[in-house]
């Protein structure tokens, strides 16, 4: 198992999400708003996820 962490402060959300679009993972702890956490979760959830085309969630 490979473990990584990302620590960001004062980052531009769209730029961060775009940079993470090829990264797969899960969020263990965050101080993001619920909406921002959901966007990040979609980007980290699969290969089709991008900022402009988020991956489907279980509810969709």
Protein backbone atom coordinates (compact mmCIF):
# COMPACT_ATOMS: atom_id res chain seq x y z
CA UNK A 1 0.00 0.00 0.00
CA UNK A 2 1.23 3.47 -0.88
CA UNK A 3 0.26 6.27 1.45
CA UNK A 4 0.51 9.96 0.66
CA UNK A 5 -0.76 13.17 2.11
CA UNK A 6 -1.40 16.53 0.58
CA UNK A 7 -1.39 19.70 2.66
CA UNK A 8 -2.63 22.89 1.05
CA UNK A 9 -3.30 26.34 2.34
CA UNK A 10 -4.77 29.22 0.36
CA UNK A 11 -4.95 27.23 -2.88
CA UNK A 12 -7.11 27.97 -5.92
CA UNK A 13 -9.66 25.16 -5.96
CA UNK A 14 -10.01 24.70 -9.73
CA UNK A 15 -6.24 24.52 -10.19
CA UNK A 16 -5.82 21.98 -7.39
CA UNK A 17 -8.67 19.78 -8.67
CA UNK A 18 -7.25 19.88 -12.19
CA UNK A 19 -3.81 18.82 -10.93
CA UNK A 20 -5.33 15.93 -8.95
CA UNK A 21 -7.48 14.56 -11.78
CA UNK A 22 -5.05 11.66 -12.43
CA UNK A 23 -4.68 10.81 -8.74
CA UNK A 24 -6.87 8.17 -7.12
CA UNK A 25 -7.47 8.15 -3.40
CA UNK A 26 -9.74 8.90 -0.52
CA UNK A 27 -10.07 11.70 1.96
CA UNK A 28 -9.30 10.80 5.54
CA UNK A 29 -9.63 14.22 7.13
CA UNK A 30 -10.37 17.69 5.83
CA UNK A 31 -11.42 21.15 6.89
CA UNK A 32 -13.10 21.78 3.53
CA UNK A 33 -16.73 22.77 3.26
CA UNK A 34 -19.11 19.89 2.51
CA UNK A 35 -19.48 21.08 -1.10
CA UNK A 36 -15.73 21.38 -1.66
CA UNK A 37 -15.14 17.96 -0.10
CA UNK A 38 -17.74 16.44 -2.43
CA UNK A 39 -16.03 18.00 -5.48
CA UNK A 40 -12.65 16.67 -4.34
CA UNK A 41 -14.12 13.22 -3.69
CA UNK A 42 -15.53 13.13 -7.23
CA UNK A 43 -12.15 14.06 -8.71
CA UNK A 44 -10.35 11.39 -6.67
CA UNK A 45 -12.94 8.70 -7.43
CA UNK A 46 -12.07 7.64 -10.94
CA UNK A 47 -10.33 8.07 -14.27
CA UNK A 48 -13.23 9.90 -15.93
CA UNK A 49 -13.31 12.59 -13.27
CA UNK A 50 -12.23 16.11 -14.14
CA UNK A 51 -13.14 19.53 -12.91
CA UNK A 52 -15.43 20.05 -15.92
CA UNK A 53 -16.73 16.46 -15.98
CA UNK A 54 -16.94 15.10 -12.41
CA UNK A 55 -17.29 11.36 -11.88
CA UNK A 56 -20.78 10.14 -11.02
CA UNK A 57 -21.57 9.63 -7.37
CA UNK A 58 -23.48 6.73 -5.87
CA UNK A 59 -26.65 8.85 -5.83
CA UNK A 60 -26.56 9.49 -9.59
